């Protein structure tokens, strides 16, 4: 995947989307907030989990899987 500067600086939009997704929990939908698990110390997507600043690479999906497994969502 090629680097794209257009994918960086999307943090504010991602936070807005996450807020919209959390609203589903009020309708009985289980919402799992993975976002904090992908952040670095500056609250940005960890560089080692992305090639373009937005989309996860396999290492990011491993973090996702680990969070779901530890939370009891996967067997």
N, C-alpha and C. Protein backbone atom coordinates (compact mmCIF):
# COMPACT_ATOMS: atom_id res chain seq x y z
N UNK A 1 0.86 -1.18 0.00
CA UNK A 1 0.00 0.00 0.00
C UNK A 1 0.90 1.24 0.00
N UNK A 2 0.59 2.17 -0.83
CA UNK A 2 1.43 3.37 -0.90
C UNK A 2 1.02 4.37 0.18
N UNK A 3 2.00 5.16 0.61
CA UNK A 3 1.70 6.19 1.59
C UNK A 3 0.86 7.29 0.94
N UNK A 4 -0.08 7.79 1.67
CA UNK A 4 -0.92 8.86 1.15
C UNK A 4 -1.10 9.91 2.24
N UNK A 5 -0.61 11.09 1.98
CA UNK A 5 -0.74 12.17 2.96
C UNK A 5 -2.21 12.50 3.23
N UNK A 6 -3.09 12.15 2.29
CA UNK A 6 -4.52 12.41 2.47
C UNK A 6 -5.11 11.59 3.61
N UNK A 7 -4.45 10.52 4.02
CA UNK A 7 -4.98 9.68 5.08
C UNK A 7 -4.55 10.15 6.46
N UNK A 8 -3.58 11.03 6.54
CA UNK A 8 -3.13 11.54 7.83
C UNK A 8 -4.00 12.73 8.23
N UNK A 9 -4.10 12.98 9.54
CA UNK A 9 -4.88 14.11 10.01
C UNK A 9 -6.37 13.84 10.04
N UNK A 10 -6.76 12.60 10.08
CA UNK A 10 -8.18 12.22 10.10
C UNK A 10 -8.69 11.94 11.52
N UNK A 11 -7.87 12.22 12.51
CA UNK A 11 -8.21 11.87 13.90
C UNK A 11 -9.56 12.44 14.33
N UNK A 12 -9.79 13.70 14.03
CA UNK A 12 -11.04 14.34 14.46
C UNK A 12 -12.25 13.65 13.82
N UNK A 13 -12.15 13.33 12.55
CA UNK A 13 -13.25 12.65 11.87
C UNK A 13 -13.46 11.25 12.43
N UNK A 14 -12.39 10.55 12.72
CA UNK A 14 -12.50 9.20 13.30
C UNK A 14 -13.18 9.27 14.67
N UNK A 15 -12.82 10.25 15.48
CA UNK A 15 -13.46 10.41 16.79
C UNK A 15 -14.96 10.67 16.62
N UNK A 16 -15.34 11.50 15.64
CA UNK A 16 -16.75 11.76 15.39
C UNK A 16 -17.47 10.48 14.98
N UNK A 17 -16.86 9.72 14.07
CA UNK A 17 -17.46 8.46 13.64
C UNK A 17 -17.63 7.50 14.82
N UNK A 18 -16.62 7.42 15.66
CA UNK A 18 -16.71 6.54 16.82
C UNK A 18 -17.84 6.95 17.75
N UNK A 19 -18.04 8.25 17.91
CA UNK A 19 -19.16 8.72 18.73
C UNK A 19 -20.49 8.28 18.12
N UNK A 20 -20.59 8.35 16.81
CA UNK A 20 -21.82 7.92 16.14
C UNK A 20 -22.05 6.42 16.32
N UNK A 21 -20.99 5.65 16.22
CA UNK A 21 -21.09 4.19 16.40
C UNK A 21 -21.50 3.85 17.84
N UNK A 22 -20.97 4.58 18.82
CA UNK A 22 -21.32 4.31 20.22
C UNK A 22 -22.82 4.45 20.47
N UNK A 23 -23.49 5.24 19.69
CA UNK A 23 -24.94 5.44 19.86
C UNK A 23 -25.71 4.15 19.64
N UNK A 24 -25.13 3.22 18.89
CA UNK A 24 -25.80 1.93 18.68
C UNK A 24 -25.94 1.14 19.98
N UNK A 25 -25.06 1.40 20.94
CA UNK A 25 -25.16 0.66 22.21
C UNK A 25 -26.47 0.96 22.93
N UNK A 26 -27.03 2.14 22.69
CA UNK A 26 -28.32 2.49 23.30
C UNK A 26 -29.46 1.68 22.70
N UNK A 27 -29.19 1.04 21.57
CA UNK A 27 -30.21 0.21 20.90
C UNK A 27 -29.94 -1.27 21.13
N UNK A 28 -29.09 -1.57 22.11
CA UNK A 28 -28.83 -2.96 22.45
C UNK A 28 -27.75 -3.63 21.62
N UNK A 29 -27.03 -2.86 20.84
CA UNK A 29 -25.94 -3.41 20.02
C UNK A 29 -24.65 -3.38 20.84
N UNK A 30 -23.91 -4.47 20.83
CA UNK A 30 -22.63 -4.49 21.51
C UNK A 30 -21.62 -3.70 20.69
N UNK A 31 -21.05 -2.69 21.30
CA UNK A 31 -20.05 -1.85 20.64
C UNK A 31 -18.72 -2.05 21.36
N UNK A 32 -17.72 -2.43 20.61
CA UNK A 32 -16.38 -2.67 21.17
C UNK A 32 -15.47 -1.56 20.67
N UNK A 33 -14.98 -0.74 21.58
CA UNK A 33 -14.14 0.40 21.20
C UNK A 33 -12.69 -0.05 21.09
N UNK A 34 -12.26 -0.27 19.87
CA UNK A 34 -10.90 -0.70 19.60
C UNK A 34 -9.93 0.47 19.49
N UNK A 35 -10.44 1.63 19.20
CA UNK A 35 -9.62 2.80 18.90
C UNK A 35 -8.49 3.04 19.89
N UNK A 36 -8.74 3.03 21.20
CA UNK A 36 -7.65 3.30 22.14
C UNK A 36 -6.48 2.31 22.02
N UNK A 37 -6.76 1.13 21.55
CA UNK A 37 -5.72 0.10 21.44
C UNK A 37 -4.78 0.34 20.27
N UNK A 38 -5.16 1.22 19.37
CA UNK A 38 -4.36 1.51 18.19
C UNK A 38 -3.57 2.81 18.30
N UNK A 39 -3.70 3.52 19.41
CA UNK A 39 -3.12 4.86 19.54
C UNK A 39 -1.72 4.85 20.15
N UNK A 40 -0.93 5.84 19.72
CA UNK A 40 0.38 6.06 20.32
C UNK A 40 0.25 7.09 21.45
N UNK A 41 1.35 7.52 22.00
CA UNK A 41 1.34 8.47 23.10
C UNK A 41 0.79 9.84 22.75
N UNK A 42 0.74 10.15 21.45
CA UNK A 42 0.21 11.44 21.00
C UNK A 42 -1.23 11.32 20.49
N UNK A 43 -1.85 10.16 20.78
CA UNK A 43 -3.25 9.91 20.40
C UNK A 43 -3.45 9.83 18.88
N UNK A 44 -2.44 9.31 18.18
CA UNK A 44 -2.53 9.07 16.74
C UNK A 44 -2.38 7.57 16.50
N UNK A 45 -2.84 7.10 15.36
CA UNK A 45 -2.67 5.70 14.99
C UNK A 45 -1.18 5.36 15.01
N UNK A 46 -0.85 4.30 15.74
CA UNK A 46 0.55 3.87 15.85
C UNK A 46 1.11 3.60 14.46
N UNK A 47 2.28 4.15 14.19
CA UNK A 47 2.92 4.01 12.88
C UNK A 47 3.16 2.55 12.51
N UNK A 48 3.43 1.72 13.50
CA UNK A 48 3.73 0.31 13.21
C UNK A 48 2.48 -0.51 12.87
N UNK A 49 1.31 0.12 12.94
CA UNK A 49 0.07 -0.58 12.64
C UNK A 49 -0.55 -0.15 11.30
N UNK A 50 0.13 0.76 10.59
CA UNK A 50 -0.41 1.30 9.34
C UNK A 50 0.70 1.59 8.34
N UNK A 51 0.34 1.58 7.09
CA UNK A 51 1.29 1.97 6.05
C UNK A 51 0.94 3.34 5.47
N UNK A 52 -0.30 3.79 5.75
CA UNK A 52 -0.75 5.04 5.15
C UNK A 52 -1.40 6.01 6.14
N UNK A 53 -1.37 5.68 7.42
CA UNK A 53 -1.93 6.58 8.43
C UNK A 53 -3.41 6.40 8.69
N UNK A 54 -4.05 5.49 7.96
CA UNK A 54 -5.49 5.28 8.14
C UNK A 54 -5.86 3.81 8.18
N UNK A 55 -5.38 3.04 7.24
CA UNK A 55 -5.75 1.64 7.13
C UNK A 55 -4.77 0.75 7.88
N UNK A 56 -5.31 -0.26 8.54
CA UNK A 56 -4.45 -1.18 9.29
C UNK A 56 -3.71 -2.13 8.36
N UNK A 57 -2.52 -2.51 8.80
CA UNK A 57 -1.75 -3.57 8.16
C UNK A 57 -1.94 -4.81 9.04
N UNK A 58 -1.41 -5.97 8.66
CA UNK A 58 -1.63 -7.17 9.47
C UNK A 58 -1.32 -7.01 10.96
N UNK A 59 -0.31 -6.24 11.31
CA UNK A 59 -0.01 -6.04 12.74
C UNK A 59 -1.17 -5.37 13.46
N UNK A 60 -1.87 -4.49 12.78
CA UNK A 60 -3.04 -3.83 13.38
C UNK A 60 -4.19 -4.80 13.59
N UNK A 61 -4.36 -5.69 12.62
CA UNK A 61 -5.42 -6.69 12.77
C UNK A 61 -5.09 -7.70 13.87
N UNK A 62 -3.81 -7.90 14.12
CA UNK A 62 -3.41 -8.77 15.23
C UNK A 62 -3.80 -8.13 16.56
N UNK A 63 -3.59 -6.82 16.68
CA UNK A 63 -4.02 -6.09 17.89
C UNK A 63 -5.53 -6.23 18.03
N UNK A 64 -6.26 -6.05 16.96
CA UNK A 64 -7.72 -6.17 16.95
C UNK A 64 -8.13 -7.54 17.46
N UNK A 65 -7.53 -8.58 16.88
CA UNK A 65 -7.85 -9.95 17.29
C UNK A 65 -7.55 -10.17 18.77
N UNK A 66 -6.40 -9.68 19.22
CA UNK A 66 -6.00 -9.86 20.62
C UNK A 66 -7.00 -9.19 21.57
N UNK A 67 -7.47 -8.01 21.22
CA UNK A 67 -8.45 -7.30 22.06
C UNK A 67 -9.75 -8.09 22.11
N UNK A 68 -10.20 -8.58 20.97
CA UNK A 68 -11.43 -9.35 20.94
C UNK A 68 -11.29 -10.67 21.72
N UNK A 69 -10.16 -11.30 21.59
CA UNK A 69 -9.93 -12.56 22.31
C UNK A 69 -9.89 -12.31 23.82
N UNK A 70 -9.14 -11.29 24.26
CA UNK A 70 -9.03 -10.97 25.69
C UNK A 70 -10.38 -10.56 26.28
N UNK A 71 -11.22 -9.94 25.46
CA UNK A 71 -12.55 -9.52 25.91
C UNK A 71 -13.57 -10.63 25.90
N UNK A 72 -13.16 -11.81 25.44
CA UNK A 72 -14.08 -12.93 25.43
C UNK A 72 -15.02 -12.96 24.22
N UNK A 73 -14.73 -12.14 23.22
CA UNK A 73 -15.58 -12.10 22.03
C UNK A 73 -15.20 -13.19 21.02
N UNK A 74 -13.98 -13.68 21.12
CA UNK A 74 -13.51 -14.77 20.25
C UNK A 74 -13.11 -15.95 21.11
N UNK A 75 -13.20 -17.12 20.54
CA UNK A 75 -12.80 -18.32 21.26
C UNK A 75 -11.51 -18.86 20.70
